[in-house]
C-alpha atoms as a PDB file:
ATOM      1  CA  MET A   1     -65.223  20.898  31.207  1.00  0.00           C
ATOM      2  CA  ASN A   2     -63.339  20.259  33.565  1.00  0.00           C
ATOM      3  CA  PHE A   3     -60.752  17.290  33.610  1.00  0.00           C
ATOM      4  CA  SER A   4     -59.191  15.274  36.063  1.00  0.00           C
ATOM      5  CA  LEU A   5     -56.736  12.750  36.375  1.00  0.00           C
ATOM      6  CA  ARG A   6     -56.054  10.867  39.123  1.00  0.00           C
ATOM      7  CA  ILE A   7     -54.685   7.196  40.719  1.00  0.00           C
ATOM      8  CA  ALA A   8     -57.032   4.747  41.456  1.00  0.00           C
ATOM      9  CA  THR A   9     -57.447   3.080  44.667  1.00  0.00           C
ATOM     10  CA  ALA A  10     -59.267  -0.229  45.842  1.00  0.00           C
ATOM     11  CA  ALA A  11     -61.630   2.388  47.426  1.00  0.00           C
ATOM     12  CA  ASP A  12     -62.794   2.758  43.713  1.00  0.00           C
ATOM     13  CA  ALA A  13     -63.291  -0.689  42.836  1.00  0.00           C
ATOM     14  CA  GLU A  14     -67.063  -1.356  41.377  1.00  0.00           C
ATOM     15  CA  GLN A  15     -65.988   2.282  39.983  1.00  0.00           C
ATOM     16  CA  VAL A  16     -64.065   1.027  37.978  1.00  0.00           C
ATOM     17  CA  THR A  17     -64.945  -2.560  36.662  1.00  0.00           C
ATOM     18  CA  GLU A  18     -68.084  -0.348  35.773  1.00  0.00           C
ATOM     19  CA  LEU A  19     -66.278   2.254  34.026  1.00  0.00           C
ATOM     20  CA  GLY A  20     -64.356  -1.273  32.177  1.00  0.00           C
ATOM     21  CA  ARG A  21     -67.361  -2.990  31.421  1.00  0.00           C
ATOM     22  CA  GLU A  22     -68.611  -0.216  29.580  1.00  0.00           C
ATOM     23  CA  THR A  23     -66.224   1.842  28.124  1.00  0.00           C
ATOM     24  CA  PHE A  24     -65.841  -2.289  26.457  1.00  0.00           C
ATOM     25  CA  TYR A  25     -68.978  -3.003  25.823  1.00  0.00           C
ATOM     26  CA  GLU A  26     -69.347   0.609  23.954  1.00  0.00           C
ATOM     27  CA  THR A  27     -66.380   0.069  22.632  1.00  0.00           C
ATOM     28  CA  TRP A  28     -67.025  -3.326  20.649  1.00  0.00           C
ATOM     29  CA  LYS A  29     -70.498  -4.339  21.023  1.00  0.00           C
ATOM     30  CA  ASP A  30     -70.315  -4.314  16.797  1.00  0.00           C
ATOM     31  CA  GLY A  31     -67.688  -7.310  16.793  1.00  0.00           C
ATOM     32  CA  TYR A  32     -68.701  -9.600  19.011  1.00  0.00           C
ATOM     33  CA  THR A  33     -72.164 -11.702  19.562  1.00  0.00           C
ATOM     34  CA  GLU A  34     -73.981 -11.350  22.549  1.00  0.00           C
ATOM     35  CA  GLN A  35     -72.366 -14.339  24.351  1.00  0.00           C
ATOM     36  CA  ASP A  36     -68.836 -14.233  23.447  1.00  0.00           C
ATOM     37  CA  MET A  37     -69.239 -10.388  24.871  1.00  0.00           C
ATOM     38  CA  ASP A  38     -70.898 -11.744  28.037  1.00  0.00           C
ATOM     39  CA  ALA A  39     -68.160 -14.110  28.547  1.00  0.00           C
ATOM     40  CA  TYR A  40     -65.701 -11.984  27.774  1.00  0.00           C
ATOM     41  CA  LEU A  41     -66.990  -8.831  30.430  1.00  0.00           C
ATOM     42  CA  SER A  42     -67.997 -11.319  33.463  1.00  0.00           C
ATOM     43  CA  GLU A  43     -64.056 -12.655  32.825  1.00  0.00           C
ATOM     44  CA  ALA A  44     -62.547  -9.111  33.109  1.00  0.00           C
ATOM     45  CA  PHE A  45     -64.136  -7.708  34.615  1.00  0.00           C
ATOM     46  CA  ARG A  46     -64.905  -9.212  38.141  1.00  0.00           C
ATOM     47  CA  ILE A  47     -65.163  -6.508  41.136  1.00  0.00           C
ATOM     48  CA  GLU A  48     -62.708  -9.903  43.026  1.00  0.00           C
ATOM     49  CA  LEU A  49     -60.632  -9.155  39.711  1.00  0.00           C
ATOM     50  CA  ILE A  50     -60.349  -5.809  39.729  1.00  0.00           C
ATOM     51  CA  ARG A  51     -60.332  -5.414  43.948  1.00  0.00           C
ATOM     52  CA  ALA A  52     -57.445  -7.013  43.622  1.00  0.00           C
ATOM     53  CA  GLU A  53     -55.678  -5.270  40.577  1.00  0.00           C
ATOM     54  CA  LEU A  54     -56.117  -2.171  42.543  1.00  0.00           C
ATOM     55  CA  ASN A  55     -54.453  -3.475  45.378  1.00  0.00           C
ATOM     56  CA  ASP A  56     -51.253  -4.737  43.261  1.00  0.00           C
ATOM     57  CA  THR A  57     -48.485  -2.219  43.515  1.00  0.00           C
ATOM     58  CA  SER A  58     -47.633  -3.432  39.661  1.00  0.00           C
ATOM     59  CA  ILE A  59     -50.747  -2.233  38.470  1.00  0.00           C
ATOM     60  CA  LYS A  60     -51.608   1.036  38.134  1.00  0.00           C
ATOM     61  CA  VAL A  61     -55.126   2.810  36.492  1.00  0.00           C
ATOM     62  CA  VAL A  62     -55.530   6.001  35.575  1.00  0.00           C
ATOM     63  CA  LEU A  63     -58.860   7.610  36.161  1.00  0.00           C
ATOM     64  CA  ALA A  64     -59.976  10.442  33.534  1.00  0.00           C
ATOM     65  CA  GLU A  65     -62.585  12.296  35.519  1.00  0.00           C
ATOM     66  CA  VAL A  66     -64.475  15.002  33.888  1.00  0.00           C
ATOM     67  CA  ASP A  67     -67.183  17.247  35.761  1.00  0.00           C
ATOM     68  CA  GLY A  68     -66.492  14.874  38.307  1.00  0.00           C
ATOM     69  CA  ARG A  69     -67.958  12.079  36.093  1.00  0.00           C
ATOM     70  CA  LEU A  70     -65.659   9.103  35.187  1.00  0.00           C
ATOM     71  CA  ALA A  71     -64.728   9.734  31.365  1.00  0.00           C
ATOM     72  CA  GLY A  72     -62.044   6.789  30.696  1.00  0.00           C
ATOM     73  CA  TYR A  73     -58.505   5.098  31.775  1.00  0.00           C
ATOM     74  CA  GLY A  74     -55.275   4.229  31.565  1.00  0.00           C
ATOM     75  CA  LYS A  75     -54.110   1.195  33.035  1.00  0.00           C
ATOM     76  CA  LEU A  76     -50.759   0.006  33.109  1.00  0.00           C
ATOM     77  CA  VAL A  77     -49.164  -3.522  34.542  1.00  0.00           C
ATOM     78  CA  GLU A  78     -45.356  -4.013  35.188  1.00  0.00           C
ATOM     79  CA  ASN A  79     -44.438  -7.701  34.841  1.00  0.00           C
ATOM     80  CA  ARG A  80     -45.246  -8.506  31.769  1.00  0.00           C
ATOM     81  CA  PHE A  81     -42.692 -10.527  28.910  1.00  0.00           C
ATOM     82  CA  HIS A  82     -43.153 -10.973  25.052  1.00  0.00           C
ATOM     83  CA  ALA A  83     -41.567 -13.309  23.380  1.00  0.00           C
ATOM     84  CA  SER A  84     -40.775  -9.986  20.992  1.00  0.00           C
ATOM     85  CA  MET A  85     -39.044  -8.550  23.618  1.00  0.00           C
ATOM     86  CA  GLY A  86     -36.214 -10.435  24.980  1.00  0.00           C
ATOM     87  CA  THR A  87     -34.762  -9.789  28.061  1.00  0.00           C
ATOM     88  CA  GLN A  88     -35.750  -5.979  27.851  1.00  0.00           C
ATOM     89  CA  PRO A  89     -37.883  -5.592  30.825  1.00  0.00           C
ATOM     90  CA  PHE A  90     -41.532  -3.081  29.565  1.00  0.00           C
ATOM     91  CA  VAL A  91     -44.579  -1.749  31.105  1.00  0.00           C
ATOM     92  CA  GLU A  92     -47.450  -2.643  29.182  1.00  0.00           C
ATOM     93  CA  LEU A  93     -50.679  -0.270  28.232  1.00  0.00           C
ATOM     94  CA  GLU A  94     -53.261  -2.765  28.950  1.00  0.00           C
ATOM     95  CA  ARG A  95     -56.111  -0.841  28.652  1.00  0.00           C
ATOM     96  CA  LEU A  96     -57.014   2.474  27.496  1.00  0.00           C
ATOM     97  CA  TYR A  97     -60.427   4.074  27.014  1.00  0.00           C
ATOM     98  CA  LEU A  98     -62.695   7.102  26.511  1.00  0.00           C
ATOM     99  CA  PHE A  99     -66.069   6.633  26.647  1.00  0.00           C
ATOM    100  CA  ARG A 100     -67.163   7.785  22.958  1.00  0.00           C
ATOM    101  CA  GLU A 101     -68.951  11.373  24.053  1.00  0.00           C
ATOM    102  CA  PHE A 102     -64.693  12.646  24.757  1.00  0.00           C
ATOM    103  CA  HIS A 103     -63.383  11.344  21.543  1.00  0.00           C
ATOM    104  CA  ALA A 104     -62.016  14.553  20.026  1.00  0.00           C
ATOM    105  CA  THR A 105     -62.036  16.471  23.374  1.00  0.00           C
ATOM    106  CA  GLY A 106     -58.562  16.299  24.019  1.00  0.00           C
ATOM    107  CA  LEU A 107     -58.760  14.358  27.203  1.00  0.00           C
ATOM    108  CA  ALA A 108     -57.701  10.572  25.113  1.00  0.00           C
ATOM    109  CA  TYR A 109     -54.636  12.885  24.890  1.00  0.00           C
ATOM    110  CA  ARG A 110     -54.092  14.029  28.442  1.00  0.00           C
ATOM    111  CA  LEU A 111     -54.707  10.826  29.254  1.00  0.00           C
ATOM    112  CA  MET A 112     -51.740   9.460  27.337  1.00  0.00           C
ATOM    113  CA  ASP A 113     -49.508  12.003  28.376  1.00  0.00           C
ATOM    114  CA  ASP A 114     -50.192  11.166  32.303  1.00  0.00           C
ATOM    115  CA  VAL A 115     -49.840   7.974  31.703  1.00  0.00           C
ATOM    116  CA  LEU A 116     -46.787   7.994  30.135  1.00  0.00           C
ATOM    117  CA  ASP A 117     -45.053  10.434  32.708  1.00  0.00           C
ATOM    118  CA  LEU A 118     -46.279   7.671  34.837  1.00  0.00           C
ATOM    119  CA  ALA A 119     -44.580   4.743  33.932  1.00  0.00           C
ATOM    120  CA  ARG A 120     -41.830   7.050  33.497  1.00  0.00           C
ATOM    121  CA  SER A 121     -41.103   8.216  36.658  1.00  0.00           C
ATOM    122  CA  ALA A 122     -41.848   4.125  37.706  1.00  0.00           C
ATOM    123  CA  GLY A 123     -38.091   4.183  35.587  1.00  0.00           C
ATOM    124  CA  TRP A 124     -39.162   2.024  32.656  1.00  0.00           C
ATOM    125  CA  GLU A 125     -37.784   2.125  29.762  1.00  0.00           C
ATOM    126  CA  TRP A 126     -39.966   0.917  27.310  1.00  0.00           C
ATOM    127  CA  ILE A 127     -44.027   0.803  27.184  1.00  0.00           C
ATOM    128  CA  VAL A 128     -46.285  -1.763  25.500  1.00  0.00           C
ATOM    129  CA  LEU A 129     -49.009  -2.135  23.908  1.00  0.00           C
ATOM    130  CA  GLY A 130     -51.528  -4.108  22.352  1.00  0.00           C
ATOM    131  CA  VAL A 131     -54.435  -2.690  19.451  1.00  0.00           C
ATOM    132  CA  ASP A 132     -56.895  -4.402  17.896  1.00  0.00           C
ATOM    133  CA  VAL A 133     -55.266  -4.807  13.830  1.00  0.00           C
ATOM    134  CA  ASN A 134     -58.553  -3.070  12.510  1.00  0.00           C
ATOM    135  CA  ASN A 135     -58.524  -0.424  14.737  1.00  0.00           C
ATOM    136  CA  HIS A 136     -57.055   2.282  12.851  1.00  0.00           C
ATOM    137  CA  ARG A 137     -58.195   4.933  14.885  1.00  0.00           C
ATOM    138  CA  ALA A 138     -56.243   3.524  17.453  1.00  0.00           C
ATOM    139  CA  ILE A 139     -53.143   2.614  15.557  1.00  0.00           C
ATOM    140  CA  ARG A 140     -53.403   6.813  14.271  1.00  0.00           C
ATOM    141  CA  PHE A 141     -53.348   7.428  18.097  1.00  0.00           C
ATOM    142  CA  TYR A 142     -50.550   5.137  18.942  1.00  0.00           C
ATOM    143  CA  THR A 143     -48.533   6.230  15.275  1.00  0.00           C
ATOM    144  CA  LYS A 144     -48.603   9.745  16.453  1.00  0.00           C
ATOM    145  CA  TYR A 145     -47.154   8.869  20.185  1.00  0.00           C
ATOM    146  CA  GLY A 146     -43.947   6.943  18.279  1.00  0.00           C
ATOM    147  CA  PHE A 147     -44.916   3.643  18.814  1.00  0.00           C
ATOM    148  CA  GLU A 148     -43.849   1.288  16.341  1.00  0.00           C
ATOM    149  CA  THR A 149     -44.945  -2.106  15.653  1.00  0.00           C
ATOM    150  CA  PHE A 150     -42.980  -5.189  16.555  1.00  0.00           C
ATOM    151  CA  ASP A 151     -44.607  -8.428  17.366  1.00  0.00           C
ATOM    152  CA  LYS A 152     -48.230  -9.766  17.144  1.00  0.00           C
ATOM    153  CA  LYS A 153     -50.519 -11.625  19.421  1.00  0.00           C
ATOM    154  CA  ILE A 154     -53.976 -13.117  20.332  1.00  0.00           C
ATOM    155  CA  PHE A 155     -56.795 -11.248  21.775  1.00  0.00           C
ATOM    156  CA  ARG A 156     -59.270 -13.730  22.709  1.00  0.00           C
ATOM    157  CA  VAL A 157     -63.694 -12.149  23.862  1.00  0.00           C
ATOM    158  CA  GLY A 158     -65.313 -15.625  24.646  1.00  0.00           C
ATOM    159  CA  THR A 159     -64.990 -18.036  22.013  1.00  0.00           C
ATOM    160  CA  ILE A 160     -63.292 -15.597  19.126  1.00  0.00           C
ATOM    161  CA  GLU A 161     -59.445 -15.201  19.131  1.00  0.00           C
ATOM    162  CA  ASP A 162     -58.262 -11.185  17.213  1.00  0.00           C
ATOM    163  CA  THR A 163     -55.099 -10.355  16.302  1.00  0.00           C
ATOM    164  CA  ASP A 164     -53.794  -7.921  17.586  1.00  0.00           C
ATOM    165  CA  GLN A 165     -50.471  -5.168  16.819  1.00  0.00           C
ATOM    166  CA  LEU A 166     -48.251  -5.666  19.583  1.00  0.00           C
ATOM    167  CA  MET A 167     -46.482  -1.793  19.518  1.00  0.00           C
ATOM    168  CA  LYS A 168     -43.789  -0.220  21.660  1.00  0.00           C
ATOM    169  CA  ARG A 169     -41.828   2.700  22.444  1.00  0.00           C
ATOM    170  CA  ARG A 170     -38.954   4.358  24.427  1.00  0.00           C
ATOM    171  CA  LEU A 171     -39.657   6.400  27.004  1.00  0.00           C
END
């Protein structure tokens, strides 16, 4: 397997939209009704939204490819606010997804390392993320990277309100 990572551009908007929809669906399909899932996917992964995000200099999407095929991505978003962080500036790791077939290949570590390096090179001191409180595999992964829980937030999928734990680490 040949892994490669690259920063997405606006020219990647259709691929990023499909990648986002497919990886979110694959990860969470058993946790929501089809109606709630469809509502979330059609809002969060609209081509116009993704294209605008890829043109936004405060958002960076890192694409992970295996043998030339998209395997997952990470998304960093600047200028976010969480009351628990006070006035401390931070960048948010809004998404980190891989297709299941690429779990346990080492690609998640390479992607996370690249995302952290990107945040660090942009001058950020802190990185924050939200993770579903029942996603124990992801929580273990982030904990290995030195993330610590500091608060909770609501994450809405359709009509469902889930609880995410907020985690942070110093870069």
